[in-house]
Amino acid sequence: MTRLVTQIAWDDQKNLGAAYNRAMGALKPGDWCCFLDHDAMFTSPGWRDQLQQAIDENPRAGLLAAYTNRIGRKTQLAPGCPQSHDLLEHATFGAELAARYGGAARDITADSPISGVVMAMSRDTWALIGGFRDGFFGVDNWAHRDVRSKGLRVMILPGLYVYHWYRADGVGHPGAPKAAA
């Protein structure tokens, strides 16, 4: 079985590409890394098994992504996802998707580039594309393009749903304005 590690990448200089590269460089050939944004969380306990199934069943996959709620990439917006900040509602929705789709994967290679709220890549793919590009914005988009340029597939898992805080409309965020008294 392929070794799969998870990582929330961070770089003090806001060079997300460099943080991804450090994580990938620590892996052994054949290993995979699943990157999760700092403001996202898995909604079902079987997320790891779903990723493992997608890896095992899709040998041409170079990059895996998940469905989520708040996101600009419409191909990753889960149809019918909750609009609230109620985590129980999101967990229930995620469990329903997981039960329906498991670790099935759909090819989105030709679609617009992914957003890396959740993205998984093998060390082998990382080496093939020459690593992640330096920078903060667009690193995930370039990963999609670079994987596609090497003839590998970018896949989304319709059963893998994450709650994405994404500024949460200013609700409860440490930098949010205080509510009027």
Protein backbone atom coordinates (compact mmCIF):
# COMPACT_ATOMS: atom_id res chain seq x y z
CA MET A 1 0.00 0.00 0.00
CA THR A 2 1.20 3.52 -0.83
CA ARG A 3 2.27 5.65 2.14
CA LEU A 4 0.09 8.73 2.45
CA VAL A 5 1.04 11.61 4.74
CA THR A 6 -0.87 14.80 5.45
CA GLN A 7 0.54 18.26 5.83
CA ILE A 8 -0.57 21.81 6.49
CA ALA A 9 2.19 23.67 4.70
CA TRP A 10 3.52 26.95 6.09
CA ASP A 11 6.31 29.33 5.21
CA ASP A 12 7.17 32.47 7.20
CA GLN A 13 7.95 34.28 3.93
CA LYS A 14 4.57 33.28 2.47
CA ASN A 15 6.24 31.11 -0.16
CA LEU A 16 3.72 28.30 -0.23
CA GLY A 17 5.48 26.63 -3.15
CA ALA A 18 8.68 26.38 -1.07
CA ALA A 19 6.72 24.91 1.87
CA TYR A 20 5.16 22.30 -0.41
CA ASN A 21 8.58 21.49 -1.86
CA ARG A 22 10.10 20.97 1.61
CA ALA A 23 7.32 18.55 2.50
CA MET A 24 7.59 16.64 -0.78
CA GLY A 25 11.38 16.48 -0.56
CA ALA A 26 11.09 14.61 2.74
CA LEU A 27 9.07 11.81 1.16
CA LYS A 28 10.31 8.58 -0.35
CA PRO A 29 9.59 7.59 -3.97
CA GLY A 30 6.07 6.23 -4.22
CA ASP A 31 4.81 8.21 -1.21
CA TRP A 32 1.92 10.65 -1.48
CA CYS A 33 1.28 13.87 0.45
CA CYS A 34 -2.15 15.38 1.04
CA PHE A 35 -1.95 19.12 1.65
CA LEU A 36 -4.76 20.73 3.61
CA ASP A 37 -5.15 24.51 3.85
CA HIS A 38 -4.94 25.99 7.33
CA ASP A 39 -8.59 27.07 7.13
CA ALA A 40 -10.13 23.76 6.00
CA MET A 41 -11.19 20.56 7.72
CA PHE A 42 -12.29 17.11 6.61
CA THR A 43 -15.94 16.38 7.37
CA SER A 44 -15.89 12.59 7.48
CA PRO A 45 -13.64 10.19 9.39
CA GLY A 46 -13.05 8.03 6.29
CA TRP A 47 -11.23 10.75 4.30
CA ARG A 48 -7.92 8.91 4.40
CA ASP A 49 -9.46 5.69 3.04
CA GLN A 50 -11.16 7.69 0.28
CA LEU A 51 -7.83 9.18 -0.80
CA GLN A 52 -6.13 5.80 -0.62
CA GLN A 53 -8.83 4.24 -2.80
CA ALA A 54 -8.48 7.03 -5.39
CA ILE A 55 -4.70 6.58 -5.43
CA ASP A 56 -4.96 2.81 -5.80
CA GLU A 57 -7.62 2.91 -8.52
CA ASN A 58 -6.17 5.75 -10.63
CA PRO A 59 -2.53 5.03 -11.49
CA ARG A 60 -2.47 7.89 -14.05
CA ALA A 61 -3.56 10.42 -11.43
CA GLY A 62 -0.96 13.06 -10.73
CA LEU A 63 -3.05 15.37 -8.56
CA LEU A 64 -6.16 14.77 -6.45
CA ALA A 65 -8.58 17.42 -5.18
CA ALA A 66 -11.66 17.58 -2.97
CA TYR A 67 -15.07 19.21 -3.04
CA THR A 68 -15.67 22.09 -0.66
CA ASN A 69 -18.07 24.91 0.13
CA ARG A 70 -16.62 28.45 -0.28
CA ILE A 71 -14.43 28.44 -3.36
CA GLY A 72 -14.03 30.31 -6.62
CA ARG A 73 -13.36 27.15 -8.67
CA LYS A 74 -16.85 26.02 -9.58
CA THR A 75 -15.60 22.51 -10.45
CA GLN A 76 -14.75 22.08 -6.75
CA LEU A 77 -17.92 23.59 -5.29
CA ALA A 78 -19.99 20.72 -3.93
CA PRO A 79 -23.50 20.87 -5.40
CA GLY A 80 -26.00 21.53 -2.63
CA CYS A 81 -23.39 22.18 0.04
CA PRO A 82 -24.47 24.00 3.21
CA GLN A 83 -24.06 27.77 3.24
CA SER A 84 -23.93 28.01 7.03
CA HIS A 85 -21.04 27.77 9.48
CA ASP A 86 -22.74 24.90 11.30
CA LEU A 87 -20.10 22.17 11.42
CA LEU A 88 -22.68 19.47 12.16
CA GLU A 89 -24.52 20.42 8.99
CA HIS A 90 -21.26 20.20 7.01
CA ALA A 91 -20.32 16.89 8.63
CA THR A 92 -23.74 15.42 7.77
CA PHE A 93 -23.42 16.63 4.18
CA GLY A 94 -19.87 15.24 3.94
CA ALA A 95 -20.95 11.87 5.35
CA GLU A 96 -23.73 11.65 2.74
CA LEU A 97 -21.27 12.33 -0.09
CA ALA A 98 -18.78 9.84 1.32
CA ALA A 99 -21.47 7.16 1.56
CA ARG A 100 -22.61 7.84 -2.01
CA TYR A 101 -19.22 8.13 -3.75
CA GLY A 102 -16.57 6.66 -1.45
CA GLY A 103 -13.15 7.15 -3.04
CA ALA A 104 -14.39 7.39 -6.62
CA ALA A 105 -12.55 9.98 -8.70
CA ARG A 106 -13.61 12.05 -11.70
CA ASP A 107 -11.16 13.43 -14.25
CA ILE A 108 -11.01 17.25 -14.28
CA THR A 109 -7.70 17.54 -16.11
CA ALA A 110 -9.19 19.67 -18.91
CA ASP A 111 -11.18 21.89 -16.53
CA SER A 112 -9.99 25.17 -15.04
CA PRO A 113 -7.10 24.72 -12.60
CA ILE A 114 -7.87 23.52 -9.11
CA SER A 115 -7.73 25.45 -5.90
CA GLY A 116 -5.50 23.70 -3.42
CA VAL A 117 -7.80 23.73 -0.39
CA VAL A 118 -7.05 20.01 -0.43
CA MET A 119 -4.66 18.53 -2.93
CA ALA A 120 -2.74 15.29 -2.92
CA MET A 121 0.29 14.51 -5.06
CA SER A 122 2.84 11.73 -5.20
CA ARG A 123 6.52 12.39 -4.73
CA ASP A 124 7.04 10.83 -8.17
CA THR A 125 4.69 13.34 -9.80
CA TRP A 126 6.33 16.18 -7.88
CA ALA A 127 9.74 15.12 -9.21
CA LEU A 128 8.36 14.75 -12.76
CA ILE A 129 6.97 18.31 -12.80
CA GLY A 130 10.15 19.75 -11.29
CA GLY A 131 8.49 20.65 -7.98
CA PHE A 132 6.00 23.34 -7.07
CA ARG A 133 6.63 26.84 -8.35
CA ASP A 134 7.69 29.48 -5.85
CA GLY A 135 5.12 31.93 -4.57
CA PHE A 136 1.89 32.13 -2.66
CA PHE A 137 -0.95 32.77 -5.08
CA GLY A 138 -1.45 30.44 -8.03
CA VAL A 139 0.90 27.67 -6.87
CA ASP A 140 -2.03 25.21 -6.91
CA ASN A 141 -3.15 26.41 -10.36
CA TRP A 142 0.34 25.87 -11.77
CA ALA A 143 0.52 22.41 -10.20
CA HIS A 144 -2.64 21.49 -12.15
CA ARG A 145 -1.17 22.85 -15.39
CA ASP A 146 2.21 21.22 -14.81
CA VAL A 147 0.63 17.82 -14.06
CA ARG A 148 -1.52 18.11 -17.18
CA SER A 149 1.53 19.02 -19.30
CA LYS A 150 3.19 15.74 -18.27
CA GLY A 151 0.21 13.68 -19.43
CA LEU A 152 -1.05 12.80 -15.96
CA ARG A 153 -4.61 13.24 -14.74
CA VAL A 154 -6.05 15.74 -12.27
CA MET A 155 -8.91 14.12 -10.42
CA ILE A 156 -11.59 15.32 -8.02
CA LEU A 157 -13.17 13.04 -5.44
CA PRO A 158 -16.92 13.81 -5.29
CA GLY A 159 -17.17 11.92 -1.99
CA LEU A 160 -14.38 13.85 -0.29
CA TYR A 161 -15.84 17.05 1.14
CA VAL A 162 -14.06 19.59 3.32
CA TYR A 163 -15.45 22.56 5.19
CA HIS A 164 -13.55 25.68 4.08
CA TRP A 165 -13.61 28.54 6.58
CA TYR A 166 -12.33 31.03 3.97
CA ARG A 167 -12.75 34.20 6.01
CA ALA A 168 -16.20 32.97 7.05
CA ASP A 169 -17.86 36.19 6.01
CA GLY A 170 -16.03 37.86 8.91
CA VAL A 171 -17.80 35.67 11.47
CA GLY A 172 -15.61 34.78 14.43
CA HIS A 173 -12.36 35.57 12.64
CA PRO A 174 -9.75 37.23 14.89
CA GLY A 175 -9.43 40.16 12.47
CA ALA A 176 -13.17 40.62 12.01
CA PRO A 177 -14.88 43.81 13.19
CA LYS A 178 -16.65 43.57 16.54
CA ALA A 179 -20.42 43.23 16.47
CA ALA A 180 -22.41 46.29 17.53
CA ALA A 181 -23.62 46.12 21.12
